[in-house]
Amino acid sequence: MLRRFTFAVAIIALYCGATFTTNGCGGSSYHPPPRPMPSSVTELLGKVTDAESGKPVEGVKISVQGQMATTNADGEYFFSGLDPRRCVLTAAREGYLVHELPVVLEPGVANHFDFPLRRR
């Protein structure tokens, strides 16, 4: 009875796109079908530097589409789950001028935008 149940589960899983592999010892492992990144969302990443020195700027508040992130010690920021469309990327930090960068986010890819901040 157990063999029939196992066989039925394997047939259903294969029908849904899964694969099975053997480990050489008589056992097998289940691999679910891959899930691609939906083309209706996108990622955004980049680096903020000081316009004069070119060094990374930590602690910059980056906002886009109602989400906010803060740059790390390397001046890097990251967003995921954004809508692919035209929008404005805003960067602000004490001691620097607010910087607004119009961008177009492409669907299904990691969009990369680096930009410098000018001191006040």
N, C-alpha and C. Protein backbone atom coordinates (compact mmCIF):
# COMPACT_ATOMS: atom_id res chain seq x y z
N MET A 1 0.82 -1.19 0.00
CA MET A 1 0.00 0.00 0.00
C MET A 1 0.87 1.27 0.00
N LEU A 2 1.95 1.24 0.79
CA LEU A 2 2.85 2.40 0.86
C LEU A 2 3.50 2.68 -0.49
N ARG A 3 3.87 1.62 -1.23
CA ARG A 3 4.49 1.81 -2.55
C ARG A 3 3.53 2.47 -3.52
N ARG A 4 2.26 2.10 -3.48
CA ARG A 4 1.27 2.71 -4.36
C ARG A 4 1.11 4.19 -4.04
N PHE A 5 1.09 4.52 -2.75
CA PHE A 5 0.95 5.91 -2.32
C PHE A 5 2.17 6.72 -2.77
N THR A 6 3.37 6.19 -2.57
CA THR A 6 4.60 6.87 -2.97
C THR A 6 4.62 7.08 -4.48
N PHE A 7 4.22 6.08 -5.23
CA PHE A 7 4.18 6.19 -6.69
C PHE A 7 3.18 7.27 -7.11
N ALA A 8 2.03 7.32 -6.48
CA ALA A 8 1.00 8.32 -6.82
C ALA A 8 1.52 9.73 -6.52
N VAL A 9 2.18 9.92 -5.40
CA VAL A 9 2.74 11.23 -5.05
C VAL A 9 3.80 11.64 -6.06
N ALA A 10 4.64 10.71 -6.47
CA ALA A 10 5.69 11.01 -7.46
C ALA A 10 5.08 11.42 -8.79
N ILE A 11 4.03 10.74 -9.23
CA ILE A 11 3.37 11.08 -10.50
C ILE A 11 2.78 12.48 -10.43
N ILE A 12 2.12 12.80 -9.33
CA ILE A 12 1.53 14.14 -9.16
C ILE A 12 2.61 15.22 -9.16
N ALA A 13 3.70 14.98 -8.44
CA ALA A 13 4.80 15.96 -8.36
C ALA A 13 5.43 16.17 -9.73
N LEU A 14 5.63 15.10 -10.48
CA LEU A 14 6.21 15.23 -11.82
C LEU A 14 5.27 15.99 -12.75
N TYR A 15 3.98 15.76 -12.60
CA TYR A 15 2.99 16.47 -13.40
C TYR A 15 3.07 17.98 -13.14
N CYS A 16 3.40 18.38 -11.91
CA CYS A 16 3.48 19.80 -11.52
C CYS A 16 4.85 20.41 -11.84
N GLY A 17 5.78 19.65 -12.44
CA GLY A 17 7.06 20.21 -12.84
C GLY A 17 8.21 19.92 -11.91
N ALA A 18 8.01 19.08 -10.92
CA ALA A 18 9.08 18.77 -9.98
C ALA A 18 9.99 17.69 -10.57
N THR A 19 11.16 17.53 -9.97
CA THR A 19 12.08 16.47 -10.40
C THR A 19 12.54 15.69 -9.17
N PHE A 20 12.97 14.47 -9.41
CA PHE A 20 13.53 13.63 -8.36
C PHE A 20 14.91 13.19 -8.79
N THR A 21 15.82 13.08 -7.83
CA THR A 21 17.15 12.54 -8.13
C THR A 21 17.47 11.48 -7.10
N THR A 22 18.30 10.53 -7.48
CA THR A 22 18.72 9.50 -6.53
C THR A 22 20.07 9.88 -5.94
N ASN A 23 20.29 9.44 -4.72
CA ASN A 23 21.54 9.79 -4.05
C ASN A 23 22.57 8.68 -4.14
N GLY A 24 22.30 7.62 -4.91
CA GLY A 24 23.26 6.53 -5.07
C GLY A 24 23.15 5.46 -4.01
N CYS A 25 22.35 5.69 -2.97
CA CYS A 25 22.19 4.72 -1.89
C CYS A 25 20.77 4.17 -1.85
N GLY A 26 20.07 4.31 -2.96
CA GLY A 26 18.71 3.80 -2.99
C GLY A 26 17.67 4.84 -2.58
N GLY A 27 18.11 5.95 -2.07
CA GLY A 27 17.19 7.01 -1.67
C GLY A 27 17.03 8.03 -2.77
N SER A 28 16.10 8.92 -2.60
CA SER A 28 15.90 9.97 -3.60
C SER A 28 15.55 11.27 -2.89
N SER A 29 15.70 12.37 -3.60
CA SER A 29 15.34 13.66 -3.02
C SER A 29 14.44 14.41 -3.99
N TYR A 30 13.58 15.22 -3.45
CA TYR A 30 12.59 15.97 -4.21
C TYR A 30 13.10 17.38 -4.49
N HIS A 31 12.95 17.86 -5.73
CA HIS A 31 13.35 19.21 -6.11
C HIS A 31 12.13 19.93 -6.70
N PRO A 32 11.57 20.92 -6.00
CA PRO A 32 10.40 21.61 -6.54
C PRO A 32 10.77 22.38 -7.80
N PRO A 33 9.78 22.69 -8.64
CA PRO A 33 10.07 23.44 -9.86
C PRO A 33 10.60 24.84 -9.53
N PRO A 34 11.49 25.40 -10.35
CA PRO A 34 12.04 26.74 -10.08
C PRO A 34 10.96 27.80 -10.18
N ARG A 35 11.09 28.86 -9.37
CA ARG A 35 10.15 29.96 -9.39
C ARG A 35 10.85 31.21 -9.88
N PRO A 36 10.60 31.64 -11.11
CA PRO A 36 11.26 32.84 -11.64
C PRO A 36 10.74 34.10 -10.96
N MET A 37 11.56 35.16 -10.99
CA MET A 37 11.14 36.45 -10.47
C MET A 37 10.03 36.99 -11.36
N PRO A 38 8.89 37.37 -10.77
CA PRO A 38 7.80 37.89 -11.60
C PRO A 38 8.25 39.13 -12.37
N SER A 39 7.80 39.25 -13.61
CA SER A 39 8.18 40.40 -14.41
C SER A 39 7.42 41.65 -13.99
N SER A 40 6.50 41.50 -13.04
CA SER A 40 5.73 42.66 -12.58
C SER A 40 6.40 43.38 -11.41
N VAL A 41 7.56 42.88 -10.95
CA VAL A 41 8.30 43.55 -9.87
C VAL A 41 9.76 43.70 -10.28
N THR A 42 10.45 44.57 -9.57
CA THR A 42 11.85 44.82 -9.91
C THR A 42 12.65 45.13 -8.66
N GLU A 43 13.97 45.13 -8.79
CA GLU A 43 14.88 45.49 -7.71
C GLU A 43 15.64 46.75 -8.09
N LEU A 44 16.11 47.47 -7.08
CA LEU A 44 16.87 48.70 -7.27
C LEU A 44 18.03 48.68 -6.30
N LEU A 45 19.24 48.95 -6.79
CA LEU A 45 20.41 49.01 -5.93
C LEU A 45 21.38 50.04 -6.47
N GLY A 46 22.29 50.44 -5.63
CA GLY A 46 23.28 51.40 -6.07
C GLY A 46 24.18 51.86 -4.94
N LYS A 47 24.93 52.92 -5.23
CA LYS A 47 25.91 53.43 -4.27
C LYS A 47 25.86 54.95 -4.29
N VAL A 48 25.95 55.54 -3.09
CA VAL A 48 25.98 57.00 -2.94
C VAL A 48 27.37 57.40 -2.48
N THR A 49 27.96 58.37 -3.20
CA THR A 49 29.30 58.84 -2.86
C THR A 49 29.29 60.35 -2.62
N ASP A 50 30.33 60.83 -1.96
CA ASP A 50 30.53 62.26 -1.77
C ASP A 50 31.01 62.84 -3.11
N ALA A 51 30.37 63.91 -3.58
CA ALA A 51 30.68 64.49 -4.89
C ALA A 51 32.12 65.01 -4.96
N GLU A 52 32.66 65.48 -3.85
CA GLU A 52 34.02 66.03 -3.86
C GLU A 52 35.10 64.97 -3.70
N SER A 53 34.93 64.10 -2.70
CA SER A 53 35.98 63.12 -2.40
C SER A 53 35.80 61.80 -3.14
N GLY A 54 34.59 61.49 -3.56
CA GLY A 54 34.32 60.20 -4.20
C GLY A 54 34.16 59.05 -3.22
N LYS A 55 34.26 59.35 -1.91
CA LYS A 55 34.14 58.31 -0.89
C LYS A 55 32.67 57.97 -0.64
N PRO A 56 32.39 56.72 -0.23
CA PRO A 56 31.02 56.32 0.07
C PRO A 56 30.44 57.14 1.22
N VAL A 57 29.13 57.40 1.16
CA VAL A 57 28.46 58.15 2.22
C VAL A 57 27.51 57.21 2.95
N GLU A 58 27.76 57.00 4.24
CA GLU A 58 26.93 56.14 5.07
C GLU A 58 25.78 56.95 5.68
N GLY A 59 24.65 56.29 5.91
CA GLY A 59 23.53 56.92 6.61
C GLY A 59 22.64 57.81 5.75
N VAL A 60 22.73 57.68 4.44
CA VAL A 60 21.87 58.46 3.54
C VAL A 60 20.50 57.77 3.49
N LYS A 61 19.44 58.55 3.67
CA LYS A 61 18.08 58.03 3.58
C LYS A 61 17.66 58.08 2.11
N ILE A 62 17.42 56.90 1.53
CA ILE A 62 17.00 56.79 0.14
C ILE A 62 15.52 56.41 0.14
N SER A 63 14.72 57.12 -0.64
CA SER A 63 13.30 56.77 -0.73
C SER A 63 12.87 56.68 -2.18
N VAL A 64 11.96 55.73 -2.43
CA VAL A 64 11.38 55.53 -3.76
C VAL A 64 10.08 54.75 -3.59
N GLN A 65 9.05 55.17 -4.29
CA GLN A 65 7.75 54.49 -4.28
C GLN A 65 7.24 54.21 -2.87
N GLY A 66 7.44 55.12 -1.95
CA GLY A 66 6.93 54.96 -0.59
C GLY A 66 7.77 54.05 0.30
N GLN A 67 8.87 53.52 -0.21
CA GLN A 67 9.78 52.70 0.60
C GLN A 67 11.02 53.51 0.94
N MET A 68 11.67 53.16 2.08
CA MET A 68 12.88 53.86 2.47
C MET A 68 13.95 52.87 2.88
N ALA A 69 15.21 53.21 2.55
CA ALA A 69 16.38 52.42 2.92
C ALA A 69 17.46 53.39 3.35
N THR A 70 18.44 52.89 4.08
CA THR A 70 19.57 53.70 4.53
C THR A 70 20.85 53.07 3.99
N THR A 71 21.75 53.91 3.47
CA THR A 71 23.00 53.37 2.93
C THR A 71 23.87 52.80 4.05
N ASN A 72 24.60 51.75 3.72
CA ASN A 72 25.51 51.12 4.68
C ASN A 72 26.87 51.83 4.67
N ALA A 73 27.84 51.26 5.35
CA ALA A 73 29.18 51.87 5.45
C ALA A 73 29.86 52.02 4.09
N ASP A 74 29.45 51.22 3.12
CA ASP A 74 30.02 51.29 1.77
C ASP A 74 29.19 52.19 0.85
N GLY A 75 28.19 52.89 1.42
CA GLY A 75 27.34 53.77 0.64
C GLY A 75 26.30 53.06 -0.21
N GLU A 76 26.11 51.77 0.02
CA GLU A 76 25.22 50.96 -0.81
C GLU A 76 23.79 50.94 -0.25
N TYR A 77 22.82 50.84 -1.17
CA TYR A 77 21.41 50.72 -0.80
C TYR A 77 20.77 49.64 -1.68
N PHE A 78 19.61 49.12 -1.23
CA PHE A 78 18.92 48.06 -1.97
C PHE A 78 17.43 48.11 -1.69
N PHE A 79 16.64 47.94 -2.74
CA PHE A 79 15.18 47.81 -2.65
C PHE A 79 14.76 46.60 -3.46
N SER A 80 13.68 45.94 -3.03
CA SER A 80 13.10 44.86 -3.83
C SER A 80 11.59 45.00 -3.82
N GLY A 81 10.94 44.34 -4.77
CA GLY A 81 9.49 44.36 -4.84
C GLY A 81 8.91 45.67 -5.33
N LEU A 82 9.67 46.43 -6.10
CA LEU A 82 9.19 47.72 -6.62
C LEU A 82 8.41 47.53 -7.91
N ASP A 83 7.53 48.47 -8.20
CA ASP A 83 6.79 48.46 -9.46
C ASP A 83 7.69 48.99 -10.57
N PRO A 84 7.75 48.29 -11.70
CA PRO A 84 8.55 48.80 -12.82
C PRO A 84 7.83 49.97 -13.48
N ARG A 85 8.39 51.16 -13.33
CA ARG A 85 7.79 52.38 -13.90
C ARG A 85 8.75 53.54 -13.70
N ARG A 86 8.36 54.71 -14.23
CA ARG A 86 9.12 55.93 -13.97
C ARG A 86 8.83 56.39 -12.55
N CYS A 87 9.88 56.83 -11.85
CA CYS A 87 9.71 57.34 -10.49
C CYS A 87 10.91 58.23 -10.15
N VAL A 88 10.88 58.78 -8.95
CA VAL A 88 11.96 59.65 -8.50
C VAL A 88 12.61 59.01 -7.28
N LEU A 89 13.92 58.87 -7.36
CA LEU A 89 14.75 58.35 -6.28
C LEU A 89 15.26 59.56 -5.50
N THR A 90 14.98 59.62 -4.20
CA THR A 90 15.37 60.77 -3.38
C THR A 90 16.39 60.34 -2.33
N ALA A 91 17.46 61.13 -2.19
CA ALA A 91 18.51 60.85 -1.21
C ALA A 91 18.70 62.08 -0.33
N ALA A 92 18.73 61.86 0.99
CA ALA A 92 18.89 62.98 1.93
C ALA A 92 19.74 62.55 3.12
N ARG A 93 20.63 63.45 3.52
CA ARG A 93 21.45 63.24 4.72
C ARG A 93 21.87 64.60 5.24
N GLU A 94 21.94 64.71 6.55
CA GLU A 94 22.36 65.96 7.17
C GLU A 94 23.75 66.34 6.67
N GLY A 95 23.92 67.63 6.32
CA GLY A 95 25.20 68.12 5.82
C GLY A 95 25.32 68.06 4.30
N TYR A 96 24.32 67.48 3.64
CA TYR A 96 24.33 67.35 2.18
C TYR A 96 23.04 67.93 1.59
N LEU A 97 23.11 68.34 0.35
CA LEU A 97 21.92 68.78 -0.37
C LEU A 97 21.05 67.57 -0.71
N VAL A 98 19.73 67.75 -0.66
CA VAL A 98 18.83 66.67 -1.07
C VAL A 98 18.99 66.46 -2.57
N HIS A 99 19.09 65.21 -2.96
CA HIS A 99 19.29 64.87 -4.38
C HIS A 99 18.09 64.07 -4.87
N GLU A 100 17.47 64.51 -5.95
CA GLU A 100 16.37 63.78 -6.57
C GLU A 100 16.80 63.32 -7.95
N LEU A 101 16.64 62.03 -8.22
CA LEU A 101 17.09 61.44 -9.46
C LEU A 101 15.91 60.75 -10.15
N PRO A 102 15.42 61.30 -11.27
CA PRO A 102 14.36 60.60 -12.01
C PRO A 102 14.93 59.31 -12.62
N VAL A 103 14.24 58.19 -12.43
CA VAL A 103 14.70 56.91 -12.94
C VAL A 103 13.55 56.16 -13.62
N VAL A 104 13.90 55.22 -14.47
CA VAL A 104 12.93 54.31 -15.07
C VAL A 104 13.33 52.91 -14.62
N LEU A 105 12.46 52.26 -13.86
CA LEU A 105 12.74 50.91 -13.37
C LEU A 105 12.23 49.89 -14.37
N GLU A 106 13.13 49.05 -14.85
CA GLU A 106 12.80 48.01 -15.82
C GLU A 106 12.29 46.78 -15.09
N PRO A 107 11.30 46.07 -15.63
CA PRO A 107 10.74 44.90 -14.95
C PRO A 107 11.66 43.68 -14.96
N GLY A 108 11.60 42.90 -13.86
CA GLY A 108 12.28 41.62 -13.79
C GLY A 108 13.79 41.64 -13.71
N VAL A 109 14.40 42.80 -13.49
CA VAL A 109 15.86 42.89 -13.41
C VAL A 109 16.27 43.74 -12.20
N ALA A 110 17.55 43.70 -11.88
CA ALA A 110 18.09 44.57 -10.83
C ALA A 110 18.56 45.86 -11.50
N ASN A 111 17.87 46.95 -11.23
CA ASN A 111 18.23 48.27 -11.78
C ASN A 111 19.30 48.89 -10.89
N HIS A 112 20.34 49.45 -11.50
CA HIS A 112 21.50 49.96 -10.76
C HIS A 112 21.66 51.46 -11.01
N PHE A 113 21.63 52.25 -9.92
CA PHE A 113 21.81 53.70 -10.03
C PHE A 113 22.76 54.17 -8.94
N ASP A 114 23.94 54.66 -9.34
CA ASP A 114 24.91 55.27 -8.43
C ASP A 114 24.80 56.78 -8.61
N PHE A 115 25.00 57.53 -7.54
CA PHE A 115 25.00 58.98 -7.70
C PHE A 115 25.75 59.67 -6.57
N PRO A 116 26.30 60.86 -6.86
CA PRO A 116 27.05 61.63 -5.86
C PRO A 116 26.14 62.60 -5.11
N LEU A 117 26.49 62.87 -3.85
CA LEU A 117 25.80 63.91 -3.06
C LEU A 117 26.75 65.08 -2.86
N ARG A 118 26.22 66.28 -2.99
CA ARG A 118 27.01 67.50 -2.78
C ARG A 118 26.80 68.02 -1.37
N ARG A 119 27.91 68.45 -0.75
CA ARG A 119 27.83 69.04 0.60
C ARG A 119 27.18 70.41 0.54
N ARG A 120 26.57 70.80 1.66
CA ARG A 120 25.96 72.13 1.75
C ARG A 120 27.02 73.19 1.90
